[in-house]
Amino acid sequence: MKNGFITLACVVIFEFLFTSCATVPITGRSQLNLVSNKDILNLSADQYKEVVSTSRLSDDSVQVQMLRRVGTRIQHAVEKYMNDNGYASSLEGFEWEFNLIDNDSVVNAWAMPGGKVAFYTGIMPLCKDEKGVAVVMGHEVAHAIANHGRERMSQGLALNLGLGSLSMAMGQNPSMTEQIFMQSVGMSSQLGMLAYGRKQESEADEIGLIFMAMAGYDPHEAPIFWVRMSEKTGGQQPPEWLSTHPSHERRIEDLNENMAEAMTYYKK
């Protein structure tokens, strides 16, 4: 009887995990999916609206226009790739937005599910020009297209709340659920990075390289950007095995390894 129960439990768990998996476009990696697109897109829209309404947006028209120009080109590249490769349904509910938040002390950018993108003015000098913005934009949009936010949200709900339903989590612990979401899209570090963060970062580098190439930006600019990032931080990173992100050196190496494929998408 005991063995029969264990066998049945294993079958149920296997079926649950199998039906709760999704596939990442381009890389084909399987990922955990316990949160519906509708739920996370609604949450994303609400949170993005709150961030934009409570932040000071940049009035630097040159930088804002450049950001939105790059964003629109990346958006069109994404839409073409997804339509051409049978992933068009994955973009249902996307309402793209690109905003520049005026905060020079924050060297960051992020993209929420649904194409909600924000850059901080602190990262613009590191981007240097439109090509550098394209590197960061491609990477951040890749996170959204690969559903990394949904994947990490699924992991976070299970890990921190023992729940696999966003609606249940919001009902039982809305504050924790909001923290998990913000951390899942790279906006917060209060909970610490969840498992697979390094894998997702590398995956976003690979996918972003293709998106920027399709948008007409030379993908060779990506490793150059990370050289600048390495110089800015003075190489002060923990050993890679202690970090949730790839080291700058590993990132540059991986980008160069993926360059040949990315160049097949590049047209000047």
Protein backbone atom coordinates (compact mmCIF):
# COMPACT_ATOMS: atom_id res chain seq x y z
CA MET A 1 0.00 0.00 0.00
CA LYS A 2 2.80 2.39 0.94
CA ASN A 3 4.70 1.67 -2.28
CA GLY A 4 1.53 2.12 -4.31
CA PHE A 5 0.91 5.52 -2.69
CA ILE A 6 4.48 6.64 -3.41
CA THR A 7 4.15 5.54 -7.02
CA LEU A 8 0.85 7.39 -7.42
CA ALA A 9 2.33 10.50 -5.81
CA CYS A 10 5.29 10.40 -8.18
CA VAL A 11 2.98 10.09 -11.17
CA VAL A 12 0.89 13.06 -9.98
CA ILE A 13 3.98 15.19 -9.37
CA PHE A 14 5.44 14.25 -12.76
CA GLU A 15 2.21 15.11 -14.56
CA PHE A 16 1.99 18.42 -12.67
CA LEU A 17 5.54 19.40 -13.56
CA PHE A 18 5.12 18.25 -17.16
CA THR A 19 1.98 20.30 -17.68
CA SER A 20 3.57 23.26 -15.86
CA CYS A 21 6.47 23.62 -18.27
CA ALA A 22 6.97 26.07 -21.12
CA THR A 23 9.64 26.41 -23.79
CA VAL A 24 11.92 29.43 -24.21
CA PRO A 25 11.98 30.77 -27.80
CA ILE A 26 15.36 30.51 -29.61
CA THR A 27 17.11 28.40 -26.96
CA GLY A 28 14.37 25.75 -26.58
CA ARG A 29 15.02 25.40 -22.83
CA SER A 30 12.15 24.04 -20.72
CA GLN A 31 11.12 26.25 -17.81
CA LEU A 32 8.72 26.12 -14.87
CA ASN A 33 5.41 27.87 -15.51
CA LEU A 34 2.95 28.04 -12.64
CA VAL A 35 1.60 31.52 -13.40
CA SER A 36 -0.72 32.35 -16.28
CA ASN A 37 0.27 34.99 -18.82
CA LYS A 38 -2.93 36.90 -18.11
CA ASP A 39 -2.20 37.12 -14.40
CA ILE A 40 1.41 38.22 -14.74
CA LEU A 41 0.66 40.69 -17.55
CA ASN A 42 -2.03 42.32 -15.41
CA LEU A 43 0.33 42.51 -12.45
CA SER A 44 3.07 43.86 -14.70
CA ALA A 45 0.85 46.61 -16.11
CA ASP A 46 -0.21 47.70 -12.62
CA GLN A 47 3.32 47.70 -11.21
CA TYR A 48 4.79 49.49 -14.21
CA LYS A 49 2.13 52.18 -14.02
CA GLU A 50 2.92 52.67 -10.35
CA VAL A 51 6.67 52.90 -10.98
CA VAL A 52 6.25 55.42 -13.79
CA SER A 53 3.75 57.54 -11.84
CA THR A 54 5.94 57.68 -8.72
CA SER A 55 9.28 58.23 -10.49
CA ARG A 56 10.73 61.33 -12.06
CA LEU A 57 10.98 60.72 -15.79
CA SER A 58 13.90 62.23 -17.67
CA ASP A 59 13.28 65.45 -19.59
CA ASP A 60 16.38 64.92 -21.72
CA SER A 61 14.61 64.75 -25.07
CA VAL A 62 17.68 63.47 -26.93
CA GLN A 63 18.17 60.50 -24.61
CA VAL A 64 14.44 59.77 -24.34
CA GLN A 65 14.01 59.79 -28.13
CA MET A 66 17.08 57.58 -28.57
CA LEU A 67 15.78 55.10 -25.99
CA ARG A 68 12.39 54.89 -27.65
CA ARG A 69 13.89 54.66 -31.13
CA VAL A 70 16.04 51.72 -30.09
CA GLY A 71 13.15 50.15 -28.20
CA THR A 72 10.87 50.36 -31.21
CA ARG A 73 13.49 48.79 -33.49
CA ILE A 74 14.04 45.94 -31.03
CA GLN A 75 10.25 45.55 -30.68
CA HIS A 76 9.82 45.17 -34.44
CA ALA A 77 12.67 42.65 -34.57
CA VAL A 78 11.06 40.63 -31.78
CA GLU A 79 7.66 40.68 -33.48
CA LYS A 80 9.16 39.54 -36.77
CA TYR A 81 11.11 36.70 -35.15
CA MET A 82 8.12 35.51 -33.11
CA ASN A 83 5.74 35.69 -36.09
CA ASP A 84 8.18 33.91 -38.41
CA ASN A 85 8.87 31.09 -35.95
CA GLY A 86 5.41 30.21 -34.68
CA TYR A 87 5.54 32.14 -31.40
CA ALA A 88 3.12 34.94 -32.31
CA SER A 89 0.67 33.90 -29.59
CA SER A 90 3.37 34.52 -26.98
CA LEU A 91 3.09 38.26 -27.67
CA GLU A 92 -0.65 38.43 -27.00
CA GLY A 93 -1.30 41.11 -24.41
CA PHE A 94 2.00 42.89 -24.98
CA GLU A 95 1.69 46.68 -24.78
CA TRP A 96 5.19 48.03 -25.28
CA GLU A 97 6.44 51.03 -23.33
CA PHE A 98 9.92 52.54 -23.05
CA ASN A 99 10.66 55.09 -20.35
CA LEU A 100 13.82 56.74 -19.01
CA ILE A 101 13.78 57.32 -15.25
CA ASP A 102 15.83 60.27 -14.00
CA ASN A 103 18.10 58.70 -11.39
CA ASP A 104 21.83 58.96 -11.99
CA SER A 105 22.68 56.82 -8.96
CA VAL A 106 20.98 53.72 -10.38
CA VAL A 107 23.00 51.92 -13.08
CA ASN A 108 20.22 49.61 -14.19
CA ALA A 109 17.53 48.79 -16.71
CA TRP A 110 14.76 46.20 -16.67
CA ALA A 111 11.86 44.87 -18.71
CA MET A 112 8.64 43.59 -17.21
CA PRO A 113 6.49 40.94 -18.87
CA GLY A 114 4.40 42.53 -21.59
CA GLY A 115 7.17 44.73 -22.99
CA LYS A 116 7.26 47.28 -20.17
CA VAL A 117 10.82 48.64 -20.26
CA ALA A 118 12.59 51.17 -18.05
CA PHE A 119 16.13 52.52 -18.16
CA TYR A 120 17.68 54.69 -15.45
CA THR A 121 19.79 57.68 -16.45
CA GLY A 122 22.64 56.17 -14.43
CA ILE A 123 23.21 53.51 -17.09
CA MET A 124 23.23 55.88 -20.06
CA PRO A 125 26.91 56.96 -19.77
CA LEU A 126 27.86 53.29 -19.68
CA CYS A 127 25.77 52.66 -22.81
CA LYS A 128 27.65 55.57 -24.36
CA ASP A 129 25.59 55.74 -27.56
CA GLU A 130 22.66 54.21 -29.45
CA LYS A 131 24.56 50.97 -30.05
CA GLY A 132 25.20 50.56 -26.33
CA VAL A 133 21.53 51.21 -25.60
CA ALA A 134 20.68 48.47 -28.12
CA VAL A 135 22.89 46.00 -26.23
CA VAL A 136 21.07 46.65 -22.96
CA MET A 137 17.65 46.89 -24.61
CA GLY A 138 18.11 43.60 -26.44
CA HIS A 139 19.18 41.89 -23.24
CA GLU A 140 16.32 43.25 -21.12
CA VAL A 141 13.66 42.58 -23.76
CA ALA A 142 15.05 39.06 -24.09
CA HIS A 143 14.21 38.52 -20.41
CA ALA A 144 10.59 39.41 -21.18
CA ILE A 145 10.40 37.27 -24.33
CA ALA A 146 11.98 34.30 -22.55
CA ASN A 147 9.39 34.71 -19.78
CA HIS A 148 12.10 34.84 -17.14
CA GLY A 149 9.89 36.98 -14.93
CA ARG A 150 7.10 34.40 -15.06
CA GLU A 151 9.59 31.59 -14.46
CA ARG A 152 11.18 33.29 -11.47
CA MET A 153 7.75 34.28 -10.17
CA SER A 154 6.74 30.62 -10.28
CA GLN A 155 9.91 29.65 -8.42
CA GLY A 156 9.41 32.42 -5.88
CA LEU A 157 5.80 31.55 -5.11
CA ALA A 158 6.72 27.92 -4.55
CA LEU A 159 9.89 28.72 -2.57
CA ASN A 160 8.69 31.57 -0.37
CA LEU A 161 4.97 30.87 -0.03
CA GLY A 162 4.57 27.23 -0.99
CA LEU A 163 1.98 28.28 -3.57
CA GLY A 164 1.66 27.82 -7.30
CA SER A 165 -1.17 30.28 -7.89
CA LEU A 166 -0.69 34.03 -8.20
CA SER A 167 -4.27 34.74 -7.12
CA MET A 168 -3.82 32.64 -3.96
CA ALA A 169 -0.52 34.37 -3.20
CA MET A 170 -2.05 37.82 -3.62
CA GLY A 171 -4.87 36.83 -1.30
CA GLN A 172 -2.67 35.35 1.41
CA ASN A 173 0.41 37.58 1.33
CA PRO A 174 0.17 40.48 -1.15
CA SER A 175 3.26 42.25 0.23
CA MET A 176 5.51 39.22 -0.21
CA THR A 177 3.98 38.52 -3.62
CA GLU A 178 4.78 42.06 -4.77
CA GLN A 179 8.37 41.71 -3.54
CA ILE A 180 8.71 38.41 -5.41
CA PHE A 181 7.41 40.03 -8.59
CA MET A 182 9.70 43.06 -8.34
CA GLN A 183 12.69 40.81 -7.73
CA SER A 184 11.62 38.52 -10.55
CA VAL A 185 11.93 41.29 -13.13
CA GLY A 186 15.22 42.63 -11.73
CA MET A 187 13.83 45.59 -9.81
CA SER A 188 14.57 44.47 -6.25
CA SER A 189 17.12 42.49 -4.31
CA GLN A 190 15.27 42.26 -1.00
CA LEU A 191 14.75 38.53 -1.32
CA GLY A 192 18.02 37.69 -3.03
CA MET A 193 18.25 36.19 -6.49
CA LEU A 194 16.32 33.01 -7.05
CA ALA A 195 17.76 29.80 -8.50
CA TYR A 196 18.76 29.73 -12.17
CA GLY A 197 19.51 33.45 -12.21
CA ARG A 198 22.88 32.89 -13.86
CA LYS A 199 21.37 30.63 -16.51
CA GLN A 200 18.67 33.17 -17.28
CA GLU A 201 21.21 35.99 -17.57
CA SER A 202 23.30 33.97 -20.04
CA GLU A 203 20.16 33.06 -21.96
CA ALA A 204 19.12 36.72 -22.17
CA ASP A 205 22.60 37.58 -23.48
CA GLU A 206 22.25 34.97 -26.23
CA ILE A 207 18.72 35.95 -27.24
CA GLY A 208 19.39 39.68 -26.92
CA LEU A 209 22.35 39.37 -29.26
CA ILE A 210 20.03 38.04 -31.98
CA PHE A 211 17.35 40.66 -31.37
CA MET A 212 19.80 43.57 -31.61
CA ALA A 213 21.28 42.06 -34.78
CA MET A 214 17.83 41.74 -36.34
CA ALA A 215 17.15 45.36 -35.38
CA GLY A 216 20.17 46.45 -37.43
CA TYR A 217 22.71 46.93 -34.62
CA ASP A 218 26.11 45.25 -34.92
CA PRO A 219 26.14 42.50 -32.24
CA HIS A 220 29.91 42.99 -31.84
CA GLU A 221 28.95 45.96 -29.67
CA ALA A 222 27.72 43.61 -26.93
CA PRO A 223 31.11 42.32 -25.70
CA ILE A 224 32.45 45.88 -26.01
CA PHE A 225 29.71 47.05 -23.63
CA TRP A 226 30.67 44.39 -21.09
CA VAL A 227 34.31 45.41 -21.32
CA ARG A 228 33.18 48.91 -20.29
CA MET A 229 31.11 47.42 -17.48
CA SER A 230 34.11 45.44 -16.26
CA GLU A 231 36.28 48.55 -16.32
CA LYS A 232 33.63 50.53 -14.40
CA THR A 233 33.45 47.95 -11.62
CA GLY A 234 37.21 47.54 -11.55
CA GLY A 235 36.81 43.78 -11.77
CA GLN A 236 35.31 43.76 -8.27
CA GLN A 237 33.06 40.72 -8.58
CA PRO A 238 32.74 37.69 -6.33
CA PRO A 239 33.94 34.36 -7.78
CA GLU A 240 31.44 33.20 -10.41
CA TRP A 241 30.46 30.15 -8.38
CA LEU A 242 29.35 32.50 -5.58
CA SER A 243 27.47 34.84 -7.89
CA THR A 244 24.03 34.54 -9.44
CA HIS A 245 25.29 36.38 -12.53
CA PRO A 246 27.99 35.28 -14.95
CA SER A 247 31.32 37.05 -14.48
CA HIS A 248 32.07 39.83 -16.96
CA GLU A 249 34.81 37.66 -18.45
CA ARG A 250 32.48 34.67 -18.89
CA ARG A 251 29.83 36.93 -20.39
CA ILE A 252 32.24 38.36 -22.94
CA GLU A 253 33.49 34.88 -23.81
CA ASP A 254 29.95 33.51 -24.27
CA LEU A 255 28.88 36.50 -26.37
CA ASN A 256 31.82 35.98 -28.69
CA GLU A 257 30.96 32.28 -28.98
CA ASN A 258 27.41 33.20 -30.03
CA MET A 259 28.56 35.93 -32.43
CA ALA A 260 28.63 33.80 -35.59
CA GLU A 261 24.96 32.87 -35.21
CA ALA A 262 23.96 36.43 -34.36
CA MET A 263 25.74 37.77 -37.45
CA THR A 264 23.51 35.65 -39.67
CA TYR A 265 20.67 37.93 -38.58
CA TYR A 266 22.58 41.17 -39.00
CA LYS A 267 21.98 43.43 -41.98
CA LYS A 268 23.46 46.93 -42.07
